[in-house]
Amino acid sequence: FQNTSLSLFYMFPYSGQARISQTLFGHTQAYAQFSSGSDSYLLFGRGDPRERLIAEKMQATGGFSMPVFHHVMMDIGTGYVFRRDFFLGRKVSDHNTSKRIDIANGLITYLKLNARF
């Protein structure tokens, strides 16, 4: 377990992430991750000033993270997104509303570049 790490993150009240990674060589890592969270957006021209568009999702992913330049990391992975929906409400707990759009579950593939300075 010398080259294995576990990262847990929680932000009150509805966002969280768990990630386990294994260093393969140098700074290259293989990882598995589960995350759950929500985002909210204010809509222009809304009748209720407190109403928001809220997006929720859960996802399980796995992939590889490796350096490409001195301060740049590349992350390539795949996974499954589920329980993904949008709704109008004042808060995340309003998700049982009639103004709800359910998005189908599905596979995802991604390539990310992260720069740190």
N, C-alpha and C. Protein backbone atom coordinates (compact mmCIF):
# COMPACT_ATOMS: atom_id res chain seq x y z
N PHE A 1 0.81 -1.21 0.00
CA PHE A 1 0.00 0.00 0.00
C PHE A 1 0.85 1.26 0.00
N GLN A 2 2.13 1.11 -0.18
CA GLN A 2 3.05 2.23 -0.13
C GLN A 2 2.77 3.26 -1.24
N ASN A 3 2.35 2.82 -2.41
CA ASN A 3 2.10 3.73 -3.54
C ASN A 3 0.61 3.96 -3.78
N THR A 4 -0.24 3.67 -2.79
CA THR A 4 -1.68 3.83 -2.92
C THR A 4 -2.14 4.99 -2.05
N SER A 5 -3.07 5.79 -2.57
CA SER A 5 -3.61 6.89 -1.77
C SER A 5 -5.13 6.92 -1.89
N LEU A 6 -5.77 7.39 -0.83
CA LEU A 6 -7.21 7.54 -0.76
C LEU A 6 -7.52 8.99 -0.45
N SER A 7 -8.40 9.57 -1.24
CA SER A 7 -8.79 10.97 -1.06
C SER A 7 -10.30 11.03 -0.89
N LEU A 8 -10.76 11.67 0.19
CA LEU A 8 -12.18 11.86 0.46
C LEU A 8 -12.47 13.35 0.55
N PHE A 9 -13.55 13.78 -0.08
CA PHE A 9 -13.93 15.19 -0.10
C PHE A 9 -15.43 15.30 0.11
N TYR A 10 -15.85 16.22 0.95
CA TYR A 10 -17.27 16.47 1.16
C TYR A 10 -17.49 17.97 1.35
N MET A 11 -18.46 18.52 0.64
CA MET A 11 -18.82 19.93 0.79
C MET A 11 -20.30 19.99 1.12
N PHE A 12 -20.61 20.51 2.27
CA PHE A 12 -21.99 20.59 2.74
C PHE A 12 -22.82 21.41 1.78
N PRO A 13 -24.03 21.03 1.41
CA PRO A 13 -24.74 19.88 1.94
C PRO A 13 -24.79 18.69 0.99
N TYR A 14 -24.43 18.83 -0.30
CA TYR A 14 -24.76 17.76 -1.26
C TYR A 14 -23.62 17.30 -2.17
N SER A 15 -22.40 17.71 -1.97
CA SER A 15 -21.33 17.33 -2.89
C SER A 15 -20.29 16.47 -2.18
N GLY A 16 -19.85 15.41 -2.84
CA GLY A 16 -18.83 14.56 -2.26
C GLY A 16 -18.06 13.80 -3.31
N GLN A 17 -16.88 13.33 -2.93
CA GLN A 17 -16.04 12.57 -3.86
C GLN A 17 -15.14 11.63 -3.08
N ALA A 18 -14.97 10.43 -3.59
CA ALA A 18 -14.01 9.47 -3.04
C ALA A 18 -13.13 8.99 -4.20
N ARG A 19 -11.82 8.98 -3.97
CA ARG A 19 -10.89 8.59 -5.04
C ARG A 19 -9.77 7.75 -4.44
N ILE A 20 -9.49 6.63 -5.08
CA ILE A 20 -8.35 5.81 -4.70
C ILE A 20 -7.42 5.76 -5.92
N SER A 21 -6.13 5.96 -5.66
CA SER A 21 -5.17 5.97 -6.78
C SER A 21 -3.94 5.15 -6.42
N GLN A 22 -3.31 4.65 -7.46
CA GLN A 22 -2.11 3.83 -7.33
C GLN A 22 -1.04 4.43 -8.24
N THR A 23 0.11 4.77 -7.68
CA THR A 23 1.22 5.28 -8.48
C THR A 23 1.83 4.11 -9.24
N LEU A 24 1.91 4.27 -10.56
CA LEU A 24 2.46 3.21 -11.41
C LEU A 24 3.97 3.38 -11.57
N PHE A 25 4.39 4.59 -11.95
CA PHE A 25 5.81 4.92 -12.07
C PHE A 25 5.91 6.44 -12.14
N GLY A 26 6.97 7.00 -11.60
CA GLY A 26 7.13 8.46 -11.60
C GLY A 26 5.92 9.13 -10.98
N HIS A 27 5.29 10.05 -11.73
CA HIS A 27 4.08 10.74 -11.27
C HIS A 27 2.83 10.22 -11.98
N THR A 28 2.93 9.10 -12.68
CA THR A 28 1.78 8.52 -13.39
C THR A 28 0.96 7.67 -12.42
N GLN A 29 -0.36 7.91 -12.42
CA GLN A 29 -1.25 7.20 -11.51
C GLN A 29 -2.43 6.60 -12.25
N ALA A 30 -2.92 5.47 -11.76
CA ALA A 30 -4.20 4.89 -12.17
C ALA A 30 -5.16 5.17 -11.02
N TYR A 31 -6.43 5.46 -11.31
CA TYR A 31 -7.36 5.80 -10.25
C TYR A 31 -8.77 5.31 -10.55
N ALA A 32 -9.56 5.20 -9.49
CA ALA A 32 -10.99 4.95 -9.55
C ALA A 32 -11.64 6.00 -8.66
N GLN A 33 -12.79 6.53 -9.11
CA GLN A 33 -13.39 7.66 -8.40
C GLN A 33 -14.90 7.59 -8.45
N PHE A 34 -15.55 8.01 -7.37
CA PHE A 34 -17.00 8.18 -7.33
C PHE A 34 -17.28 9.60 -6.86
N SER A 35 -18.18 10.30 -7.55
CA SER A 35 -18.53 11.66 -7.13
C SER A 35 -20.03 11.88 -7.28
N SER A 36 -20.53 12.77 -6.44
CA SER A 36 -21.93 13.13 -6.44
C SER A 36 -22.02 14.61 -6.13
N GLY A 37 -22.89 15.33 -6.84
CA GLY A 37 -22.99 16.75 -6.56
C GLY A 37 -24.07 17.44 -7.34
N SER A 38 -24.18 18.74 -7.09
CA SER A 38 -25.17 19.55 -7.78
C SER A 38 -24.60 20.94 -8.05
N ASP A 39 -25.11 21.57 -9.07
CA ASP A 39 -24.79 22.96 -9.42
C ASP A 39 -26.09 23.70 -9.58
N SER A 40 -26.08 25.00 -9.32
CA SER A 40 -27.30 25.78 -9.52
C SER A 40 -26.96 27.06 -10.29
N TYR A 41 -27.94 27.49 -11.09
CA TYR A 41 -27.75 28.63 -11.98
C TYR A 41 -28.96 29.56 -11.87
N LEU A 42 -28.71 30.87 -11.80
CA LEU A 42 -29.79 31.84 -11.84
C LEU A 42 -30.21 32.04 -13.29
N LEU A 43 -31.51 32.10 -13.54
CA LEU A 43 -32.03 32.27 -14.89
C LEU A 43 -32.44 33.72 -15.13
N PHE A 44 -32.10 34.24 -16.29
CA PHE A 44 -32.47 35.60 -16.66
C PHE A 44 -33.99 35.66 -16.89
N GLY A 45 -34.63 36.68 -16.38
CA GLY A 45 -36.06 36.88 -16.61
C GLY A 45 -36.96 35.99 -15.79
N ARG A 46 -36.45 35.39 -14.73
CA ARG A 46 -37.28 34.49 -13.92
C ARG A 46 -38.31 35.31 -13.12
N GLY A 47 -39.48 34.74 -12.89
CA GLY A 47 -40.53 35.41 -12.14
C GLY A 47 -40.24 35.46 -10.66
N ASP A 48 -39.70 34.36 -10.12
CA ASP A 48 -39.35 34.28 -8.71
C ASP A 48 -37.85 34.54 -8.57
N PRO A 49 -37.43 35.60 -7.89
CA PRO A 49 -36.00 35.93 -7.81
C PRO A 49 -35.16 34.88 -7.09
N ARG A 50 -35.78 33.97 -6.34
CA ARG A 50 -35.03 32.93 -5.63
C ARG A 50 -35.00 31.60 -6.39
N GLU A 51 -35.74 31.50 -7.50
CA GLU A 51 -35.77 30.25 -8.27
C GLU A 51 -34.49 30.08 -9.08
N ARG A 52 -34.00 28.84 -9.14
CA ARG A 52 -32.76 28.52 -9.85
C ARG A 52 -32.96 27.27 -10.71
N LEU A 53 -32.09 27.13 -11.70
CA LEU A 53 -31.99 25.87 -12.45
C LEU A 53 -30.93 25.05 -11.72
N ILE A 54 -31.31 23.87 -11.25
CA ILE A 54 -30.41 23.04 -10.46
C ILE A 54 -30.10 21.76 -11.25
N ALA A 55 -28.82 21.41 -11.31
CA ALA A 55 -28.37 20.21 -12.02
C ALA A 55 -27.74 19.26 -10.99
N GLU A 56 -28.19 18.00 -10.99
CA GLU A 56 -27.63 16.98 -10.10
C GLU A 56 -27.06 15.83 -10.92
N LYS A 57 -26.01 15.18 -10.40
CA LYS A 57 -25.49 13.99 -11.07
C LYS A 57 -24.61 13.19 -10.12
N MET A 58 -24.49 11.91 -10.42
CA MET A 58 -23.56 11.01 -9.77
C MET A 58 -22.75 10.35 -10.87
N GLN A 59 -21.47 10.08 -10.60
CA GLN A 59 -20.66 9.40 -11.61
C GLN A 59 -19.58 8.55 -10.97
N ALA A 60 -19.28 7.45 -11.63
CA ALA A 60 -18.19 6.55 -11.25
C ALA A 60 -17.23 6.51 -12.44
N THR A 61 -15.96 6.81 -12.19
CA THR A 61 -14.98 6.89 -13.28
C THR A 61 -13.69 6.19 -12.89
N GLY A 62 -12.89 5.93 -13.89
CA GLY A 62 -11.56 5.39 -13.71
C GLY A 62 -10.67 5.87 -14.83
N GLY A 63 -9.38 6.00 -14.56
CA GLY A 63 -8.50 6.48 -15.61
C GLY A 63 -7.06 6.58 -15.17
N PHE A 64 -6.32 7.38 -15.93
CA PHE A 64 -4.89 7.58 -15.71
C PHE A 64 -4.59 9.07 -15.67
N SER A 65 -3.69 9.45 -14.78
CA SER A 65 -3.23 10.83 -14.66
C SER A 65 -1.72 10.82 -14.82
N MET A 66 -1.19 11.69 -15.70
CA MET A 66 0.24 11.69 -15.97
C MET A 66 0.73 13.09 -16.33
N PRO A 67 1.98 13.41 -16.01
CA PRO A 67 2.52 14.72 -16.37
C PRO A 67 2.82 14.80 -17.86
N VAL A 68 2.54 15.97 -18.46
CA VAL A 68 2.91 16.19 -19.87
C VAL A 68 3.94 17.31 -20.00
N PHE A 69 3.91 18.28 -19.08
CA PHE A 69 4.91 19.34 -18.97
C PHE A 69 5.21 19.54 -17.49
N HIS A 70 6.06 20.47 -17.18
CA HIS A 70 6.49 20.67 -15.79
C HIS A 70 5.31 20.93 -14.85
N HIS A 71 4.37 21.81 -15.21
CA HIS A 71 3.23 22.14 -14.35
C HIS A 71 1.90 21.69 -14.93
N VAL A 72 1.91 20.82 -15.92
CA VAL A 72 0.68 20.40 -16.60
C VAL A 72 0.50 18.88 -16.48
N MET A 73 -0.69 18.50 -16.00
CA MET A 73 -1.04 17.08 -15.88
C MET A 73 -2.15 16.76 -16.88
N MET A 74 -2.08 15.58 -17.48
CA MET A 74 -3.14 15.11 -18.38
C MET A 74 -3.89 13.99 -17.66
N ASP A 75 -5.20 14.05 -17.75
CA ASP A 75 -6.07 13.07 -17.12
C ASP A 75 -6.97 12.49 -18.20
N ILE A 76 -6.89 11.19 -18.41
CA ILE A 76 -7.72 10.53 -19.42
C ILE A 76 -8.48 9.40 -18.71
N GLY A 77 -9.78 9.33 -18.99
CA GLY A 77 -10.56 8.32 -18.29
C GLY A 77 -11.90 8.04 -18.94
N THR A 78 -12.61 7.12 -18.33
CA THR A 78 -13.93 6.73 -18.78
C THR A 78 -14.76 6.37 -17.56
N GLY A 79 -16.07 6.35 -17.73
CA GLY A 79 -16.91 6.02 -16.60
C GLY A 79 -18.38 6.01 -16.97
N TYR A 80 -19.21 6.08 -15.95
CA TYR A 80 -20.65 6.00 -16.11
C TYR A 80 -21.30 7.11 -15.28
N VAL A 81 -22.19 7.88 -15.89
CA VAL A 81 -22.92 8.94 -15.22
C VAL A 81 -24.35 8.47 -15.02
N PHE A 82 -24.88 8.65 -13.81
CA PHE A 82 -26.24 8.22 -13.53
C PHE A 82 -26.91 9.22 -12.57
N ARG A 83 -28.20 9.04 -12.42
CA ARG A 83 -29.04 9.94 -11.62
C ARG A 83 -28.74 11.40 -11.97
N ARG A 84 -28.87 11.68 -13.25
CA ARG A 84 -28.56 13.01 -13.79
C ARG A 84 -29.86 13.69 -14.17
N ASP A 85 -30.13 14.86 -13.58
CA ASP A 85 -31.35 15.58 -13.90
C ASP A 85 -31.22 17.07 -13.64
N PHE A 86 -32.14 17.82 -14.23
CA PHE A 86 -32.25 19.26 -14.06
C PHE A 86 -33.64 19.57 -13.55
N PHE A 87 -33.77 20.59 -12.71
CA PHE A 87 -35.09 21.01 -12.27
C PHE A 87 -35.05 22.45 -11.81
N LEU A 88 -36.22 23.09 -11.79
CA LEU A 88 -36.36 24.44 -11.28
C LEU A 88 -36.80 24.37 -9.83
N GLY A 89 -36.15 25.14 -8.97
CA GLY A 89 -36.50 25.15 -7.56
C GLY A 89 -35.71 26.21 -6.83
N ARG A 90 -36.06 26.39 -5.57
CA ARG A 90 -35.34 27.35 -4.73
C ARG A 90 -34.11 26.74 -4.08
N LYS A 91 -34.15 25.41 -3.87
CA LYS A 91 -33.02 24.71 -3.24
C LYS A 91 -32.96 23.28 -3.76
N VAL A 92 -31.84 22.61 -3.50
CA VAL A 92 -31.63 21.26 -4.02
C VAL A 92 -32.68 20.29 -3.51
N SER A 93 -33.18 20.51 -2.32
CA SER A 93 -34.19 19.59 -1.76
C SER A 93 -35.54 19.70 -2.48
N ASP A 94 -35.69 20.63 -3.43
CA ASP A 94 -36.92 20.76 -4.22
C ASP A 94 -36.94 19.80 -5.41
N HIS A 95 -36.11 18.75 -5.42
CA HIS A 95 -35.97 17.89 -6.60
C HIS A 95 -37.21 17.06 -6.91
N ASN A 96 -38.19 17.01 -6.06
CA ASN A 96 -39.42 16.27 -6.36
C ASN A 96 -40.48 17.19 -6.95
N THR A 97 -40.09 18.04 -7.85
CA THR A 97 -40.98 19.01 -8.46
C THR A 97 -41.48 18.52 -9.82
N SER A 98 -42.54 19.13 -10.30
CA SER A 98 -43.05 18.78 -11.64
C SER A 98 -42.20 19.44 -12.73
N LYS A 99 -41.36 20.39 -12.37
CA LYS A 99 -40.50 21.08 -13.34
C LYS A 99 -39.16 20.38 -13.43
N ARG A 100 -39.17 19.07 -13.68
CA ARG A 100 -37.98 18.23 -13.66
C ARG A 100 -37.71 17.63 -15.03
N ILE A 101 -36.44 17.59 -15.43
CA ILE A 101 -36.02 16.96 -16.67
C ILE A 101 -35.01 15.88 -16.31
N ASP A 102 -35.37 14.62 -16.53
CA ASP A 102 -34.44 13.52 -16.28
C ASP A 102 -33.61 13.26 -17.53
N ILE A 103 -32.30 13.15 -17.36
CA ILE A 103 -31.37 12.86 -18.45
C ILE A 103 -30.97 11.39 -18.33
N ALA A 104 -30.90 10.69 -19.44
CA ALA A 104 -30.58 9.26 -19.42
C ALA A 104 -29.18 9.01 -18.85
N ASN A 105 -29.02 7.88 -18.19
CA ASN A 105 -27.71 7.43 -17.73
C ASN A 105 -26.85 7.11 -18.94
N GLY A 106 -25.54 7.19 -18.78
CA GLY A 106 -24.71 6.88 -19.93
C GLY A 106 -23.23 6.84 -19.64
N LEU A 107 -22.49 6.33 -20.61
CA LEU A 107 -21.04 6.25 -20.54
C LEU A 107 -20.41 7.60 -20.90
N ILE A 108 -19.29 7.90 -20.28
CA ILE A 108 -18.54 9.12 -20.61
C ILE A 108 -17.08 8.75 -20.84
N THR A 109 -16.41 9.53 -21.64
CA THR A 109 -14.97 9.45 -21.85
C THR A 109 -14.46 10.87 -21.81
N TYR A 110 -13.33 11.10 -21.20
CA TYR A 110 -12.82 12.48 -21.07
C TYR A 110 -11.30 12.54 -21.15
N LEU A 111 -10.86 13.73 -21.52
CA LEU A 111 -9.44 14.09 -21.56
C LEU A 111 -9.35 15.48 -20.95
N LYS A 112 -8.62 15.63 -19.86
CA LYS A 112 -8.47 16.92 -19.17
C LYS A 112 -7.01 17.29 -19.07
N LEU A 113 -6.74 18.58 -19.18
CA LEU A 113 -5.42 19.12 -18.91
C LEU A 113 -5.53 20.03 -17.71
N ASN A 114 -4.71 19.83 -16.68
CA ASN A 114 -4.70 20.65 -15.47
C ASN A 114 -3.36 21.33 -15.35
N ALA A 115 -3.38 22.67 -15.21
CA ALA A 115 -2.15 23.43 -15.04
C ALA A 115 -2.09 24.01 -13.65
N ARG A 116 -0.94 23.91 -13.00
CA ARG A 116 -0.73 24.49 -11.67
C ARG A 116 0.45 25.45 -11.73
N PHE A 117 0.23 26.61 -11.12
CA PHE A 117 1.30 27.62 -11.09
C PHE A 117 1.58 28.06 -9.68
